C-alpha atoms as a PDB file:
ATOM      1  CA  UNK A   1      84.142  96.012 115.526  1.00  0.00           C
ATOM      2  CA  UNK A   2      88.021  95.743 113.144  1.00  0.00           C
ATOM      3  CA  UNK A   3      90.479  98.120 112.848  1.00  0.00           C
ATOM      4  CA  UNK A   4      92.378  98.204 109.107  1.00  0.00           C
ATOM      5  CA  UNK A   5      95.448  99.870 108.403  1.00  0.00           C
ATOM      6  CA  UNK A   6      97.045  99.561 105.549  1.00  0.00           C
ATOM      7  CA  UNK A   7     100.363 101.924 104.425  1.00  0.00           C
ATOM      8  CA  UNK A   8     100.137 101.101 100.335  1.00  0.00           C
ATOM      9  CA  UNK A   9     103.008 101.769  98.722  1.00  0.00           C
ATOM     10  CA  UNK A  10     102.500 102.044  95.604  1.00  0.00           C
ATOM     11  CA  UNK A  11     100.124 104.872  94.390  1.00  0.00           C
ATOM     12  CA  UNK A  12      99.084 102.821  91.164  1.00  0.00           C
ATOM     13  CA  UNK A  13      97.008 100.290  94.046  1.00  0.00           C
ATOM     14  CA  UNK A  14      95.135 102.602  95.641  1.00  0.00           C
ATOM     15  CA  UNK A  15      92.297 103.040  92.879  1.00  0.00           C
ATOM     16  CA  UNK A  16      92.606  98.907  92.826  1.00  0.00           C
ATOM     17  CA  UNK A  17      92.273  98.133  96.530  1.00  0.00           C
ATOM     18  CA  UNK A  18      89.356 100.402  96.933  1.00  0.00           C
ATOM     19  CA  UNK A  19      87.306  99.123  94.854  1.00  0.00           C
ATOM     20  CA  UNK A  20      88.103  95.629  95.946  1.00  0.00           C
ATOM     21  CA  UNK A  21      87.684  96.302  99.530  1.00  0.00           C
ATOM     22  CA  UNK A  22      84.790  97.328  97.956  1.00  0.00           C
ATOM     23  CA  UNK A  23      83.433  94.838  96.757  1.00  0.00           C
ATOM     24  CA  UNK A  24      83.926  92.427  99.425  1.00  0.00           C
ATOM     25  CA  UNK A  25      81.715  94.705 101.800  1.00  0.00           C
ATOM     26  CA  UNK A  26      83.379  97.326 103.744  1.00  0.00           C
ATOM     27  CA  UNK A  27      81.552 100.869 103.436  1.00  0.00           C
ATOM     28  CA  UNK A  28      83.861 103.532 103.896  1.00  0.00           C
ATOM     29  CA  UNK A  29      87.462 104.331 104.002  1.00  0.00           C
ATOM     30  CA  UNK A  30      89.936 107.275 105.376  1.00  0.00           C
ATOM     31  CA  UNK A  31      92.595 108.148 102.696  1.00  0.00           C
ATOM     32  CA  UNK A  32      95.920 109.712 104.157  1.00  0.00           C
ATOM     33  CA  UNK A  33      98.872 110.698 102.071  1.00  0.00           C
ATOM     34  CA  UNK A  34     101.868 109.705 104.029  1.00  0.00           C
ATOM     35  CA  UNK A  35     105.572 108.904 104.531  1.00  0.00           C
ATOM     36  CA  UNK A  36     106.804 106.985 106.495  1.00  0.00           C
ATOM     37  CA  UNK A  37     110.315 107.176 109.436  1.00  0.00           C
ATOM     38  CA  UNK A  38     113.075 105.224 106.953  1.00  0.00           C
ATOM     39  CA  UNK A  39     111.914 106.981 103.474  1.00  0.00           C
ATOM     40  CA  UNK A  40     112.108 110.824 104.920  1.00  0.00           C
ATOM     41  CA  UNK A  41     115.972 109.626 106.359  1.00  0.00           C
ATOM     42  CA  UNK A  42     116.746 107.564 102.845  1.00  0.00           C
ATOM     43  CA  UNK A  43     115.414 110.493 100.378  1.00  0.00           C
ATOM     44  CA  UNK A  44     115.554 114.081 101.728  1.00  0.00           C
ATOM     45  CA  UNK A  45     115.083 115.957  99.017  1.00  0.00           C
ATOM     46  CA  UNK A  46     117.500 118.389  98.021  1.00  0.00           C
ATOM     47  CA  UNK A  47     117.137 122.392  97.957  1.00  0.00           C
ATOM     48  CA  UNK A  48     118.096 123.113  93.789  1.00  0.00           C
ATOM     49  CA  UNK A  49     116.268 125.819  92.805  1.00  0.00           C
ATOM     50  CA  UNK A  50     118.309 126.471  90.721  1.00  0.00           C
ATOM     51  CA  UNK A  51     118.970 124.714  88.059  1.00  0.00           C
ATOM     52  CA  UNK A  52     117.380 124.796  85.008  1.00  0.00           C
ATOM     53  CA  UNK A  53     113.570 123.353  85.059  1.00  0.00           C
ATOM     54  CA  UNK A  54     113.274 121.941  88.879  1.00  0.00           C
ATOM     55  CA  UNK A  55     110.232 123.497  90.617  1.00  0.00           C
ATOM     56  CA  UNK A  56     111.026 124.379  94.496  1.00  0.00           C
ATOM     57  CA  UNK A  57     109.795 121.438  95.850  1.00  0.00           C
ATOM     58  CA  UNK A  58     111.512 117.755  95.600  1.00  0.00           C
ATOM     59  CA  UNK A  59     109.418 115.968  97.775  1.00  0.00           C
ATOM     60  CA  UNK A  60     110.773 112.624  98.380  1.00  0.00           C
ATOM     61  CA  UNK A  61     107.206 109.775  96.879  1.00  0.00           C
ATOM     62  CA  UNK A  62     104.802 109.066  99.605  1.00  0.00           C
ATOM     63  CA  UNK A  63     102.970 106.483 100.081  1.00  0.00           C
ATOM     64  CA  UNK A  64      98.788 106.240 101.399  1.00  0.00           C
ATOM     65  CA  UNK A  65      97.281 105.649 104.109  1.00  0.00           C
ATOM     66  CA  UNK A  66      94.062 103.572 104.284  1.00  0.00           C
ATOM     67  CA  UNK A  67      92.108 103.455 107.807  1.00  0.00           C
ATOM     68  CA  UNK A  68      89.014 101.097 107.694  1.00  0.00           C
ATOM     69  CA  UNK A  69      86.509 100.001 110.948  1.00  0.00           C
ATOM     70  CA  UNK A  70      84.777  96.470 109.503  1.00  0.00           C
ATOM     71  CA  UNK A  71      82.605  94.507 111.225  1.00  0.00           C
ATOM     72  CA  UNK A  72      85.199  91.412 112.465  1.00  0.00           C
ATOM     73  CA  UNK A  73      88.086  89.736 112.254  1.00  0.00           C
ATOM     74  CA  UNK A  74      86.654  88.104 109.243  1.00  0.00           C
ATOM     75  CA  UNK A  75      86.395  90.835 107.050  1.00  0.00           C
ATOM     76  CA  UNK A  76      89.376  92.645 108.274  1.00  0.00           C
ATOM     77  CA  UNK A  77      91.265  88.577 106.936  1.00  0.00           C
ATOM     78  CA  UNK A  78      89.876  89.716 103.766  1.00  0.00           C
ATOM     79  CA  UNK A  79      90.975  92.960 103.250  1.00  0.00           C
ATOM     80  CA  UNK A  80      94.430  91.494 103.913  1.00  0.00           C
ATOM     81  CA  UNK A  81      93.567  88.771 101.235  1.00  0.00           C
ATOM     82  CA  UNK A  82      92.252  91.036  98.431  1.00  0.00           C
ATOM     83  CA  UNK A  83      95.287  94.125  98.972  1.00  0.00           C
ATOM     84  CA  UNK A  84      97.529  91.108  98.786  1.00  0.00           C
ATOM     85  CA  UNK A  85      95.307  89.051  95.827  1.00  0.00           C
ATOM     86  CA  UNK A  86      96.407  93.241  94.176  1.00  0.00           C
ATOM     87  CA  UNK A  87      99.788  93.323  95.324  1.00  0.00           C
ATOM     88  CA  UNK A  88     101.586  90.218  96.400  1.00  0.00           C
ATOM     89  CA  UNK A  89     103.058  89.343  99.853  1.00  0.00           C
ATOM     90  CA  UNK A  90     102.946  92.096 102.333  1.00  0.00           C
ATOM     91  CA  UNK A  91     106.035  90.430 103.286  1.00  0.00           C
ATOM     92  CA  UNK A  92     108.659  92.263 100.618  1.00  0.00           C
ATOM     93  CA  UNK A  93     110.227  95.292 100.234  1.00  0.00           C
ATOM     94  CA  UNK A  94     108.120  98.232  99.195  1.00  0.00           C
ATOM     95  CA  UNK A  95     104.872  96.323  98.849  1.00  0.00           C
ATOM     96  CA  UNK A  96     103.268  97.568 101.859  1.00  0.00           C
ATOM     97  CA  UNK A  97     101.898  97.272 105.607  1.00  0.00           C
ATOM     98  CA  UNK A  98      98.922  95.492 106.763  1.00  0.00           C
ATOM     99  CA  UNK A  99      98.058  95.573 110.383  1.00  0.00           C
ATOM    100  CA  UNK A 100      93.642  95.263 111.869  1.00  0.00           C
ATOM    101  CA  UNK A 101      92.924  94.674 115.557  1.00  0.00           C
ATOM    102  CA  UNK A 102      90.444  95.023 117.532  1.00  0.00           C
ATOM    103  CA  UNK A 103      88.175  97.936 118.839  1.00  0.00           C
ATOM    104  CA  UNK A 104      86.549  98.840 122.404  1.00  0.00           C
ATOM    105  CA  UNK A 105      84.867 101.665 121.070  1.00  0.00           C
ATOM    106  CA  UNK A 106      83.427 102.658 118.053  1.00  0.00           C
ATOM    107  CA  UNK A 107      80.384 105.201 117.444  1.00  0.00           C
ATOM    108  CA  UNK A 108      78.795 106.941 113.847  1.00  0.00           C
ATOM    109  CA  UNK A 109      80.483 104.621 111.984  1.00  0.00           C
ATOM    110  CA  UNK A 110      78.182 103.510 108.405  1.00  0.00           C
ATOM    111  CA  UNK A 111      76.477 100.496 107.374  1.00  0.00           C
ATOM    112  CA  UNK A 112      77.037 101.045 104.190  1.00  0.00           C
ATOM    113  CA  UNK A 113      78.875 104.120 101.503  1.00  0.00           C
ATOM    114  CA  UNK A 114      76.891 107.049 100.772  1.00  0.00           C
ATOM    115  CA  UNK A 115      76.765 109.644  98.089  1.00  0.00           C
ATOM    116  CA  UNK A 116      78.942 112.355 100.384  1.00  0.00           C
ATOM    117  CA  UNK A 117      81.569 110.341 101.314  1.00  0.00           C
END
């Protein structure tokens, strides 16, 4: 088993990427709203509540972190291929981050998606 971690910079890529991964055979993905240290440092929100039309929240746009446990390295590589086919070269700025590593232990992993996911 492998753990796949994918940070998606553009929210518009999340659903199409999930569809690609599902078609490739990924049985489940955990989705976390996230932000990175560099992004948080560069885009600290200013408290501008006194300006007309401004909401109280001025949070910087974040990203999404996808976590999936897949059966083997071949499926992890397939996830990377599908991500880059959709998003482009992840070595380019503002695209995303991909990592995968083998798991020594995993339990409770569904073999296929269910209606309860």
